[in-house]
Amino acid sequence: MGDLPEGARFAVLASGSGTNLQALLDAYPGHCAVVVGDKEGAYAFERARRAGVAAEHLGPEGFESRGAYDAALAERVAAYDVGLVVGAGYMRVLTPAFLEKFPAVVNVHPSLLPRFKGLRAIPRALESGDEETGVTVHYMVEEVDAGPVIRQEAVPILPGDTEETLHERLRPVEHRLLVEAVADHFLKGQG
C-alpha cells in the first residue's frame, strides 16, 4: 500500500489486542496520532507505545451517561487534530456526542453488512447456514453498522468452521480492507 499524503493523521479507538491497529501502524508509520482505548491494560496500548504513538486510556467509569463519556472521548481525540478516526476492535457504540464532532469515523465489522449487524457476527454467520460471510469497512453513523460501505469482501464459510477458524480467515481480510479504506479516505481528499 502506498503512503498517505503528508500531514494525514488519524486516531484509532481500540478495546482489545490491537491486531487491526498493528496493520495500520505497519502500513502507515508516522500517521497514527493517538490510540485511545476504553479497557485498561488492552494490548493495543503496548502496540501503540512500541510504535512511538500516544496511547491513552479513557474508561467509561465515573461518567453519568454514554453521551458524557463520548463527549470526553471526542475532546481527548480532538486534541490530536486528526482527519479520520478509526474504530479498530472498539467494542462501544458511539453516540452523536462523538459522531457529530468527527464526520469521518471508520469501523471494521466481521460480516457482509447489512447481514449480522452488531455483536456476535461470526457465531451468527456460522449458525445461519450461509455459505459465506465476510468483512465490511464502513463509515459510522448513529445506527449500529448502518453507515456507507467503503470496502467489503466475502469469505467462504467452510464445513467444520468454528468461530476461531473463521475469525482466523477473516482477520487478514479485516487488516487489508481497513488499510485500504484509510487510504481511500485520505487520497480522495476527505481527510
N, C-alpha and C. Protein backbone atom coordinates (compact mmCIF):
# COMPACT_ATOMS: atom_id res chain seq x y z
N MET A 1 0.85 -1.17 0.00
CA MET A 1 0.00 0.00 0.00
C MET A 1 0.89 1.23 0.00
N GLY A 2 0.54 2.23 -0.79
CA GLY A 2 1.33 3.45 -0.83
C GLY A 2 1.16 4.26 0.43
N ASP A 3 1.97 5.30 0.53
CA ASP A 3 1.90 6.13 1.73
C ASP A 3 0.71 7.08 1.63
N LEU A 4 0.36 7.63 2.76
CA LEU A 4 -0.70 8.62 2.83
C LEU A 4 -0.12 10.00 2.52
N PRO A 5 -0.96 10.95 2.18
CA PRO A 5 -0.46 12.31 1.94
C PRO A 5 0.24 12.87 3.18
N GLU A 6 1.20 13.74 2.95
CA GLU A 6 1.90 14.38 4.06
C GLU A 6 0.89 15.09 4.95
N GLY A 7 1.03 14.93 6.23
CA GLY A 7 0.13 15.58 7.17
C GLY A 7 -1.14 14.81 7.47
N ALA A 8 -1.38 13.71 6.77
CA ALA A 8 -2.57 12.89 7.06
C ALA A 8 -2.39 12.24 8.42
N ARG A 9 -3.34 12.49 9.31
CA ARG A 9 -3.24 11.95 10.67
C ARG A 9 -4.57 11.32 11.04
N PHE A 10 -4.48 10.17 11.69
CA PHE A 10 -5.70 9.51 12.15
C PHE A 10 -5.53 9.07 13.59
N ALA A 11 -6.67 8.89 14.24
CA ALA A 11 -6.72 8.34 15.60
C ALA A 11 -7.35 6.97 15.52
N VAL A 12 -6.97 6.10 16.43
CA VAL A 12 -7.55 4.76 16.48
C VAL A 12 -8.20 4.56 17.85
N LEU A 13 -9.42 4.05 17.84
CA LEU A 13 -10.12 3.63 19.05
C LEU A 13 -10.03 2.12 19.10
N ALA A 14 -9.57 1.58 20.22
CA ALA A 14 -9.39 0.13 20.33
C ALA A 14 -9.78 -0.34 21.73
N SER A 15 -10.24 -1.58 21.80
CA SER A 15 -10.63 -2.17 23.09
C SER A 15 -9.82 -3.41 23.45
N GLY A 16 -9.11 -3.98 22.49
CA GLY A 16 -8.51 -5.29 22.76
C GLY A 16 -7.05 -5.38 22.38
N SER A 17 -6.73 -6.47 21.67
CA SER A 17 -5.33 -6.79 21.39
C SER A 17 -4.71 -5.91 20.31
N GLY A 18 -5.53 -5.31 19.47
CA GLY A 18 -5.00 -4.34 18.51
C GLY A 18 -4.39 -4.91 17.25
N THR A 19 -4.88 -6.05 16.75
CA THR A 19 -4.31 -6.58 15.51
C THR A 19 -4.64 -5.67 14.32
N ASN A 20 -5.85 -5.10 14.28
CA ASN A 20 -6.17 -4.15 13.22
C ASN A 20 -5.33 -2.89 13.35
N LEU A 21 -5.13 -2.44 14.58
CA LEU A 21 -4.25 -1.30 14.83
C LEU A 21 -2.86 -1.59 14.29
N GLN A 22 -2.33 -2.78 14.55
CA GLN A 22 -0.99 -3.12 14.10
C GLN A 22 -0.89 -3.05 12.58
N ALA A 23 -1.92 -3.51 11.89
CA ALA A 23 -1.92 -3.42 10.42
C ALA A 23 -1.81 -1.97 9.97
N LEU A 24 -2.51 -1.07 10.65
CA LEU A 24 -2.44 0.36 10.30
C LEU A 24 -1.07 0.95 10.65
N LEU A 25 -0.53 0.59 11.80
CA LEU A 25 0.79 1.09 12.19
C LEU A 25 1.86 0.63 11.21
N ASP A 26 1.76 -0.62 10.76
CA ASP A 26 2.74 -1.15 9.81
C ASP A 26 2.61 -0.48 8.44
N ALA A 27 1.37 -0.24 8.01
CA ALA A 27 1.14 0.33 6.68
C ALA A 27 1.45 1.82 6.63
N TYR A 28 1.18 2.52 7.72
CA TYR A 28 1.28 3.99 7.71
C TYR A 28 2.07 4.52 8.90
N PRO A 29 3.36 4.18 8.99
CA PRO A 29 4.15 4.68 10.11
C PRO A 29 4.16 6.22 10.11
N GLY A 30 4.00 6.77 11.31
CA GLY A 30 4.04 8.22 11.45
C GLY A 30 2.71 8.92 11.22
N HIS A 31 1.68 8.19 10.82
CA HIS A 31 0.39 8.83 10.55
C HIS A 31 -0.64 8.63 11.66
N CYS A 32 -0.45 7.65 12.51
CA CYS A 32 -1.38 7.44 13.63
C CYS A 32 -0.96 8.38 14.75
N ALA A 33 -1.84 9.31 15.12
CA ALA A 33 -1.52 10.31 16.13
C ALA A 33 -1.73 9.82 17.54
N VAL A 34 -2.76 8.99 17.74
CA VAL A 34 -3.10 8.54 19.09
C VAL A 34 -3.94 7.28 19.02
N VAL A 35 -3.79 6.44 20.02
CA VAL A 35 -4.67 5.30 20.24
C VAL A 35 -5.36 5.54 21.58
N VAL A 36 -6.69 5.55 21.55
CA VAL A 36 -7.46 5.72 22.78
C VAL A 36 -8.27 4.44 22.98
N GLY A 37 -8.21 3.92 24.18
CA GLY A 37 -8.94 2.69 24.47
C GLY A 37 -9.75 2.81 25.74
N ASP A 38 -10.78 1.98 25.80
CA ASP A 38 -11.69 2.01 26.95
C ASP A 38 -11.38 0.93 27.97
N LYS A 39 -10.49 0.01 27.65
CA LYS A 39 -10.17 -1.09 28.56
C LYS A 39 -8.72 -0.97 29.03
N GLU A 40 -8.56 -0.69 30.31
CA GLU A 40 -7.22 -0.57 30.87
C GLU A 40 -6.46 -1.88 30.66
N GLY A 41 -5.22 -1.76 30.25
CA GLY A 41 -4.39 -2.94 30.05
C GLY A 41 -4.56 -3.61 28.70
N ALA A 42 -5.38 -3.06 27.81
CA ALA A 42 -5.54 -3.64 26.47
C ALA A 42 -4.18 -3.65 25.77
N TYR A 43 -3.89 -4.74 25.06
CA TYR A 43 -2.59 -4.87 24.39
C TYR A 43 -2.41 -3.83 23.28
N ALA A 44 -3.51 -3.25 22.80
CA ALA A 44 -3.40 -2.19 21.79
C ALA A 44 -2.52 -1.05 22.29
N PHE A 45 -2.56 -0.76 23.60
CA PHE A 45 -1.72 0.30 24.15
C PHE A 45 -0.24 -0.03 23.99
N GLU A 46 0.11 -1.28 24.22
CA GLU A 46 1.51 -1.70 24.07
C GLU A 46 1.94 -1.58 22.61
N ARG A 47 1.07 -1.97 21.69
CA ARG A 47 1.40 -1.83 20.26
C ARG A 47 1.66 -0.36 19.91
N ALA A 48 0.81 0.52 20.42
CA ALA A 48 0.97 1.95 20.16
C ALA A 48 2.31 2.44 20.72
N ARG A 49 2.58 2.12 21.97
CA ARG A 49 3.83 2.58 22.60
C ARG A 49 5.06 2.10 21.83
N ARG A 50 5.03 0.84 21.40
CA ARG A 50 6.17 0.30 20.64
C ARG A 50 6.38 1.04 19.32
N ALA A 51 5.30 1.60 18.77
CA ALA A 51 5.39 2.35 17.52
C ALA A 51 5.65 3.84 17.76
N GLY A 52 5.77 4.23 19.02
CA GLY A 52 6.00 5.64 19.33
C GLY A 52 4.76 6.49 19.21
N VAL A 53 3.60 5.88 19.36
CA VAL A 53 2.32 6.58 19.23
C VAL A 53 1.73 6.80 20.62
N ALA A 54 1.15 7.96 20.83
CA ALA A 54 0.50 8.25 22.11
C ALA A 54 -0.59 7.21 22.37
N ALA A 55 -0.67 6.75 23.60
CA ALA A 55 -1.68 5.75 23.99
C ALA A 55 -2.38 6.26 25.24
N GLU A 56 -3.70 6.40 25.16
CA GLU A 56 -4.45 6.96 26.27
C GLU A 56 -5.62 6.06 26.64
N HIS A 57 -5.76 5.81 27.93
CA HIS A 57 -6.91 5.06 28.43
C HIS A 57 -7.97 6.04 28.89
N LEU A 58 -9.20 5.81 28.46
CA LEU A 58 -10.35 6.57 28.96
C LEU A 58 -11.49 5.58 29.11
N GLY A 59 -11.67 5.12 30.33
CA GLY A 59 -12.74 4.17 30.61
C GLY A 59 -14.05 4.89 30.89
N PRO A 60 -15.16 4.19 30.75
CA PRO A 60 -16.47 4.82 30.95
C PRO A 60 -16.84 5.02 32.41
N GLU A 61 -16.04 4.50 33.31
CA GLU A 61 -16.35 4.60 34.73
C GLU A 61 -16.39 6.07 35.16
N GLY A 62 -17.38 6.41 35.96
CA GLY A 62 -17.47 7.75 36.51
C GLY A 62 -18.21 8.75 35.65
N PHE A 63 -18.62 8.36 34.47
CA PHE A 63 -19.40 9.26 33.61
C PHE A 63 -20.88 8.99 33.84
N GLU A 64 -21.67 10.05 33.83
CA GLU A 64 -23.10 9.91 34.15
C GLU A 64 -23.91 9.29 33.02
N SER A 65 -23.37 9.30 31.80
CA SER A 65 -24.11 8.74 30.66
C SER A 65 -23.14 8.38 29.55
N ARG A 66 -23.63 7.62 28.57
CA ARG A 66 -22.82 7.30 27.38
C ARG A 66 -22.46 8.58 26.65
N GLY A 67 -23.40 9.51 26.57
CA GLY A 67 -23.14 10.78 25.89
C GLY A 67 -22.04 11.58 26.56
N ALA A 68 -22.04 11.60 27.90
CA ALA A 68 -21.00 12.32 28.63
C ALA A 68 -19.63 11.68 28.40
N TYR A 69 -19.61 10.35 28.39
CA TYR A 69 -18.35 9.65 28.11
C TYR A 69 -17.87 9.96 26.69
N ASP A 70 -18.78 9.88 25.72
CA ASP A 70 -18.39 10.13 24.33
C ASP A 70 -17.95 11.57 24.11
N ALA A 71 -18.55 12.53 24.83
CA ALA A 71 -18.11 13.92 24.73
C ALA A 71 -16.67 14.06 25.24
N ALA A 72 -16.35 13.38 26.33
CA ALA A 72 -14.98 13.40 26.86
C ALA A 72 -14.02 12.70 25.90
N LEU A 73 -14.47 11.60 25.31
CA LEU A 73 -13.66 10.89 24.32
C LEU A 73 -13.38 11.78 23.11
N ALA A 74 -14.40 12.48 22.64
CA ALA A 74 -14.24 13.38 21.50
C ALA A 74 -13.24 14.49 21.81
N GLU A 75 -13.33 15.03 23.01
CA GLU A 75 -12.40 16.08 23.42
C GLU A 75 -10.97 15.55 23.44
N ARG A 76 -10.79 14.35 23.94
CA ARG A 76 -9.47 13.73 24.01
C ARG A 76 -8.90 13.54 22.60
N VAL A 77 -9.70 13.00 21.69
CA VAL A 77 -9.24 12.75 20.32
C VAL A 77 -9.00 14.06 19.58
N ALA A 78 -9.87 15.05 19.78
CA ALA A 78 -9.75 16.34 19.08
C ALA A 78 -8.43 17.03 19.39
N ALA A 79 -7.86 16.77 20.55
CA ALA A 79 -6.59 17.39 20.92
C ALA A 79 -5.46 17.00 19.97
N TYR A 80 -5.66 15.93 19.20
CA TYR A 80 -4.62 15.43 18.30
C TYR A 80 -4.80 15.87 16.85
N ASP A 81 -5.82 16.67 16.56
CA ASP A 81 -6.01 17.27 15.24
C ASP A 81 -5.92 16.23 14.12
N VAL A 82 -6.84 15.27 14.14
CA VAL A 82 -6.83 14.19 13.15
C VAL A 82 -7.92 14.40 12.10
N GLY A 83 -7.68 13.85 10.92
CA GLY A 83 -8.65 13.94 9.84
C GLY A 83 -9.54 12.73 9.71
N LEU A 84 -9.29 11.72 10.54
CA LEU A 84 -10.06 10.48 10.49
C LEU A 84 -9.93 9.78 11.83
N VAL A 85 -11.01 9.14 12.25
CA VAL A 85 -10.99 8.29 13.44
C VAL A 85 -11.32 6.88 12.97
N VAL A 86 -10.55 5.90 13.43
CA VAL A 86 -10.74 4.51 13.03
C VAL A 86 -11.12 3.68 14.25
N GLY A 87 -12.27 3.03 14.18
CA GLY A 87 -12.65 2.06 15.19
C GLY A 87 -12.06 0.72 14.80
N ALA A 88 -11.05 0.29 15.52
CA ALA A 88 -10.35 -0.95 15.19
C ALA A 88 -10.50 -1.91 16.37
N GLY A 89 -11.60 -2.64 16.38
CA GLY A 89 -11.87 -3.52 17.51
C GLY A 89 -12.35 -2.74 18.71
N TYR A 90 -12.97 -1.60 18.48
CA TYR A 90 -13.53 -0.79 19.56
C TYR A 90 -14.93 -1.30 19.83
N MET A 91 -15.16 -1.77 21.04
CA MET A 91 -16.39 -2.51 21.34
C MET A 91 -17.46 -1.66 22.03
N ARG A 92 -17.48 -0.37 21.72
CA ARG A 92 -18.52 0.50 22.25
C ARG A 92 -19.25 1.16 21.10
N VAL A 93 -20.54 1.36 21.26
CA VAL A 93 -21.34 2.08 20.27
C VAL A 93 -21.15 3.58 20.53
N LEU A 94 -20.75 4.31 19.51
CA LEU A 94 -20.54 5.74 19.65
C LEU A 94 -21.86 6.50 19.49
N THR A 95 -22.03 7.51 20.31
CA THR A 95 -23.25 8.32 20.29
C THR A 95 -23.01 9.59 19.47
N PRO A 96 -24.07 10.36 19.21
CA PRO A 96 -23.89 11.63 18.50
C PRO A 96 -22.90 12.58 19.18
N ALA A 97 -22.73 12.46 20.49
CA ALA A 97 -21.76 13.32 21.19
C ALA A 97 -20.36 13.16 20.60
N PHE A 98 -20.05 12.00 20.07
CA PHE A 98 -18.77 11.77 19.41
C PHE A 98 -18.90 11.94 17.90
N LEU A 99 -19.89 11.29 17.31
CA LEU A 99 -20.02 11.25 15.84
C LEU A 99 -20.23 12.63 15.23
N GLU A 100 -20.88 13.54 15.94
CA GLU A 100 -21.09 14.88 15.39
C GLU A 100 -19.81 15.71 15.40
N LYS A 101 -18.89 15.36 16.26
CA LYS A 101 -17.60 16.07 16.33
C LYS A 101 -16.66 15.61 15.22
N PHE A 102 -16.79 14.35 14.82
CA PHE A 102 -15.92 13.77 13.79
C PHE A 102 -16.79 13.19 12.68
N PRO A 103 -16.91 13.89 11.56
CA PRO A 103 -17.76 13.40 10.48
C PRO A 103 -17.22 12.15 9.79
N ALA A 104 -15.94 11.85 9.98
CA ALA A 104 -15.35 10.67 9.35
C ALA A 104 -14.84 9.73 10.44
N VAL A 105 -15.67 8.71 10.73
CA VAL A 105 -15.28 7.66 11.66
C VAL A 105 -15.49 6.34 10.94
N VAL A 106 -14.42 5.59 10.77
CA VAL A 106 -14.45 4.33 10.03
C VAL A 106 -14.48 3.17 11.02
N ASN A 107 -15.22 2.13 10.68
CA ASN A 107 -15.31 0.94 11.51
C ASN A 107 -15.13 -0.30 10.64
N VAL A 108 -14.54 -1.34 11.20
CA VAL A 108 -14.44 -2.63 10.52
C VAL A 108 -15.36 -3.61 11.24
N HIS A 109 -16.10 -4.39 10.45
CA HIS A 109 -17.09 -5.32 11.02
C HIS A 109 -16.96 -6.68 10.34
N PRO A 110 -16.97 -7.79 11.12
CA PRO A 110 -16.76 -9.12 10.55
C PRO A 110 -18.02 -9.76 9.97
N SER A 111 -18.64 -9.09 9.01
CA SER A 111 -19.75 -9.68 8.27
C SER A 111 -19.93 -8.89 6.98
N LEU A 112 -20.76 -9.43 6.11
CA LEU A 112 -21.14 -8.71 4.90
C LEU A 112 -22.38 -7.89 5.25
N LEU A 113 -22.16 -6.70 5.79
CA LEU A 113 -23.30 -5.87 6.15
C LEU A 113 -24.17 -5.65 4.93
N PRO A 114 -25.49 -5.63 5.10
CA PRO A 114 -26.22 -5.47 6.35
C PRO A 114 -26.48 -6.77 7.12
N ARG A 115 -25.96 -7.92 6.69
CA ARG A 115 -26.14 -9.16 7.46
C ARG A 115 -25.35 -9.08 8.76
N PHE A 116 -25.93 -9.58 9.81
CA PHE A 116 -25.27 -9.78 11.11
C PHE A 116 -24.66 -8.50 11.69
N LYS A 117 -25.48 -7.46 11.75
CA LYS A 117 -25.06 -6.23 12.41
C LYS A 117 -24.85 -6.49 13.90
N GLY A 118 -24.01 -5.68 14.51
CA GLY A 118 -23.86 -5.72 15.96
C GLY A 118 -22.95 -6.83 16.44
N LEU A 119 -23.17 -7.20 17.69
CA LEU A 119 -22.32 -8.19 18.35
C LEU A 119 -22.55 -9.60 17.82
N ARG A 120 -21.56 -10.46 18.05
CA ARG A 120 -21.63 -11.90 17.73
C ARG A 120 -21.84 -12.17 16.24
N ALA A 121 -21.28 -11.36 15.38
CA ALA A 121 -21.47 -11.54 13.95
C ALA A 121 -20.94 -12.88 13.45
N ILE A 122 -19.79 -13.30 13.96
CA ILE A 122 -19.20 -14.56 13.49
C ILE A 122 -20.03 -15.77 13.92
N PRO A 123 -20.39 -15.92 15.19
CA PRO A 123 -21.22 -17.07 15.54
C PRO A 123 -22.58 -17.05 14.85
N ARG A 124 -23.14 -15.87 14.65
CA ARG A 124 -24.43 -15.81 13.96
C ARG A 124 -24.29 -16.24 12.50
N ALA A 125 -23.17 -15.90 11.87
CA ALA A 125 -22.94 -16.34 10.50
C ALA A 125 -22.83 -17.86 10.44
N LEU A 126 -22.12 -18.44 11.40
CA LEU A 126 -21.98 -19.90 11.44
C LEU A 126 -23.32 -20.58 11.68
N GLU A 127 -24.13 -20.03 12.55
CA GLU A 127 -25.44 -20.61 12.88
C GLU A 127 -26.46 -20.46 11.75
N SER A 128 -26.21 -19.52 10.84
CA SER A 128 -27.20 -19.18 9.82
C SER A 128 -27.32 -20.22 8.70
N GLY A 129 -26.26 -21.00 8.50
CA GLY A 129 -26.25 -21.90 7.36
C GLY A 129 -25.77 -21.23 6.08
N ASP A 130 -25.41 -19.95 6.14
CA ASP A 130 -24.89 -19.24 4.96
C ASP A 130 -23.60 -19.91 4.49
N GLU A 131 -23.34 -19.80 3.20
CA GLU A 131 -22.11 -20.36 2.64
C GLU A 131 -20.95 -19.38 2.69
N GLU A 132 -21.26 -18.11 2.96
CA GLU A 132 -20.19 -17.12 3.06
C GLU A 132 -20.58 -16.04 4.06
N THR A 133 -19.56 -15.39 4.55
CA THR A 133 -19.71 -14.18 5.35
C THR A 133 -18.66 -13.23 4.80
N GLY A 134 -18.08 -12.39 5.60
CA GLY A 134 -17.06 -11.51 5.07
C GLY A 134 -16.70 -10.40 6.01
N VAL A 135 -16.15 -9.35 5.43
CA VAL A 135 -15.69 -8.19 6.18
C VAL A 135 -16.22 -6.95 5.49
N THR A 136 -16.67 -6.00 6.30
CA THR A 136 -17.12 -4.71 5.79
C THR A 136 -16.40 -3.61 6.54
N VAL A 137 -15.90 -2.63 5.81
CA VAL A 137 -15.40 -1.40 6.40
C VAL A 137 -16.36 -0.31 5.97
N HIS A 138 -16.85 0.45 6.95
CA HIS A 138 -17.88 1.44 6.65
C HIS A 138 -17.69 2.68 7.51
N TYR A 139 -18.29 3.79 7.07
CA TYR A 139 -18.34 4.98 7.90
C TYR A 139 -19.41 4.77 8.96
N MET A 140 -19.12 5.20 10.17
CA MET A 140 -20.06 5.02 11.27
C MET A 140 -21.11 6.13 11.25
N VAL A 141 -22.33 5.71 11.56
CA VAL A 141 -23.45 6.62 11.77
C VAL A 141 -24.09 6.22 13.10
N GLU A 142 -25.11 6.96 13.50
CA GLU A 142 -25.71 6.69 14.81
C GLU A 142 -26.27 5.28 14.91
N GLU A 143 -26.88 4.77 13.85
CA GLU A 143 -27.40 3.40 13.87
C GLU A 143 -26.23 2.43 13.72
N VAL A 144 -26.20 1.40 14.54
CA VAL A 144 -25.08 0.45 14.57
C VAL A 144 -24.92 -0.26 13.22
N ASP A 145 -23.69 -0.23 12.70
CA ASP A 145 -23.31 -0.96 11.48
C ASP A 145 -24.21 -0.65 10.30
N ALA A 146 -24.61 0.61 10.17
CA ALA A 146 -25.53 1.00 9.10
C ALA A 146 -24.97 2.09 8.18
N GLY A 147 -23.73 2.51 8.38
CA GLY A 147 -23.18 3.60 7.59
C GLY A 147 -22.76 3.17 6.20
N PRO A 148 -22.42 4.15 5.36
CA PRO A 148 -22.00 3.86 3.99
C PRO A 148 -20.79 2.93 3.94
N VAL A 149 -20.87 1.93 3.08
CA VAL A 149 -19.80 0.94 2.93
C VAL A 149 -18.65 1.55 2.12
N ILE A 150 -17.44 1.36 2.62
CA ILE A 150 -16.24 1.81 1.91
C ILE A 150 -15.61 0.63 1.16
N ARG A 151 -15.46 -0.48 1.86
CA ARG A 151 -14.88 -1.71 1.29
C ARG A 151 -15.63 -2.90 1.88
N GLN A 152 -15.76 -3.95 1.06
CA GLN A 152 -16.44 -5.16 1.51
C GLN A 152 -15.89 -6.34 0.71
N GLU A 153 -15.71 -7.47 1.39
CA GLU A 153 -15.19 -8.66 0.71
C GLU A 153 -15.77 -9.92 1.36
N ALA A 154 -16.20 -10.84 0.52
CA ALA A 154 -16.75 -12.11 1.00
C ALA A 154 -15.64 -13.09 1.36
N VAL A 155 -15.93 -13.93 2.35
CA VAL A 155 -15.05 -15.02 2.77
C VAL A 155 -15.93 -16.25 2.93
N PRO A 156 -15.55 -17.39 2.33
CA PRO A 156 -16.40 -18.58 2.44
C PRO A 156 -16.44 -19.13 3.86
N ILE A 157 -17.58 -19.69 4.21
CA ILE A 157 -17.70 -20.46 5.45
C ILE A 157 -17.49 -21.91 5.05
N LEU A 158 -16.47 -22.53 5.61
CA LEU A 158 -16.09 -23.89 5.23
C LEU A 158 -16.75 -24.91 6.15
N PRO A 159 -17.00 -26.12 5.64
CA PRO A 159 -17.53 -27.17 6.52
C PRO A 159 -16.59 -27.37 7.71
N GLY A 160 -17.16 -27.46 8.88
CA GLY A 160 -16.36 -27.67 10.09
C GLY A 160 -15.79 -26.40 10.69
N ASP A 161 -16.06 -25.25 10.09
CA ASP A 161 -15.56 -24.00 10.66
C ASP A 161 -16.07 -23.80 12.07
N THR A 162 -15.21 -23.25 12.91
CA THR A 162 -15.58 -22.81 14.25
C THR A 162 -15.43 -21.29 14.28
N GLU A 163 -15.85 -20.68 15.37
CA GLU A 163 -15.64 -19.23 15.50
C GLU A 163 -14.17 -18.89 15.30
N GLU A 164 -13.30 -19.70 15.90
CA GLU A 164 -11.87 -19.42 15.85
C GLU A 164 -11.32 -19.58 14.44
N THR A 165 -11.67 -20.66 13.74
CA THR A 165 -11.10 -20.87 12.40
C THR A 165 -11.62 -19.83 11.42
N LEU A 166 -12.89 -19.49 11.54
CA LEU A 166 -13.45 -18.48 10.64
C LEU A 166 -12.83 -17.11 10.94
N HIS A 167 -12.70 -16.79 12.20
CA HIS A 167 -12.10 -15.50 12.54
C HIS A 167 -10.66 -15.41 12.06
N GLU A 168 -9.93 -16.52 12.12
CA GLU A 168 -8.55 -16.53 11.62
C GLU A 168 -8.49 -16.21 10.12
N ARG A 169 -9.50 -16.66 9.37
CA ARG A 169 -9.53 -16.36 7.93
C ARG A 169 -10.05 -14.94 7.67
N LEU A 170 -10.90 -14.43 8.55
CA LEU A 170 -11.41 -13.07 8.38
C LEU A 170 -10.36 -12.02 8.74
N ARG A 171 -9.53 -12.32 9.73
CA ARG A 171 -8.60 -11.32 10.27
C ARG A 171 -7.71 -10.69 9.19
N PRO A 172 -7.02 -11.45 8.33
CA PRO A 172 -6.18 -10.77 7.33
C PRO A 172 -6.99 -9.93 6.34
N VAL A 173 -8.23 -10.33 6.09
CA VAL A 173 -9.09 -9.53 5.22
C VAL A 173 -9.45 -8.22 5.93
N GLU A 174 -9.76 -8.30 7.22
CA GLU A 174 -10.01 -7.08 8.01
C GLU A 174 -8.83 -6.14 7.90
N HIS A 175 -7.63 -6.66 8.11
CA HIS A 175 -6.43 -5.82 8.08
C HIS A 175 -6.28 -5.14 6.73
N ARG A 176 -6.37 -5.90 5.66
CA ARG A 176 -6.16 -5.34 4.32
C ARG A 176 -7.22 -4.31 3.98
N LEU A 177 -8.49 -4.64 4.22
CA LEU A 177 -9.56 -3.71 3.86
C LEU A 177 -9.51 -2.43 4.70
N LEU A 178 -9.14 -2.55 5.96
CA LEU A 178 -9.04 -1.36 6.81
C LEU A 178 -7.92 -0.45 6.32
N VAL A 179 -6.78 -1.02 6.00
CA VAL A 179 -5.66 -0.24 5.46
C VAL A 179 -6.08 0.44 4.16
N GLU A 180 -6.75 -0.28 3.28
CA GLU A 180 -7.21 0.29 2.02
C GLU A 180 -8.24 1.40 2.24
N ALA A 181 -9.14 1.22 3.20
CA ALA A 181 -10.18 2.21 3.46
C ALA A 181 -9.58 3.51 4.00
N VAL A 182 -8.55 3.41 4.83
CA VAL A 182 -7.89 4.61 5.33
C VAL A 182 -7.26 5.36 4.16
N ALA A 183 -6.60 4.64 3.26
CA ALA A 183 -6.02 5.28 2.07
C ALA A 183 -7.12 5.90 1.22
N ASP A 184 -8.21 5.17 1.00
CA ASP A 184 -9.33 5.72 0.22
C ASP A 184 -9.76 7.06 0.78
N HIS A 185 -9.91 7.13 2.09
CA HIS A 185 -10.39 8.35 2.73
C HIS A 185 -9.44 9.52 2.47
N PHE A 186 -8.16 9.33 2.75
CA PHE A 186 -7.21 10.43 2.63
C PHE A 186 -6.88 10.76 1.17
N LEU A 187 -6.80 9.77 0.32
CA LEU A 187 -6.42 10.02 -1.07
C LEU A 187 -7.56 10.66 -1.87
N LYS A 188 -8.77 10.54 -1.37
CA LYS A 188 -9.91 11.22 -2.01
C LYS A 188 -10.08 12.63 -1.46
N GLY A 189 -9.11 13.05 -0.65
CA GLY A 189 -9.13 14.42 -0.15
C GLY A 189 -10.15 14.68 0.94
N GLN A 190 -10.60 13.62 1.60
CA GLN A 190 -11.62 13.81 2.62
C GLN A 190 -11.02 14.06 3.99
N GLY A 191 -9.74 13.83 4.15
CA GLY A 191 -9.15 13.98 5.47
C GLY A 191 -8.23 15.13 5.53
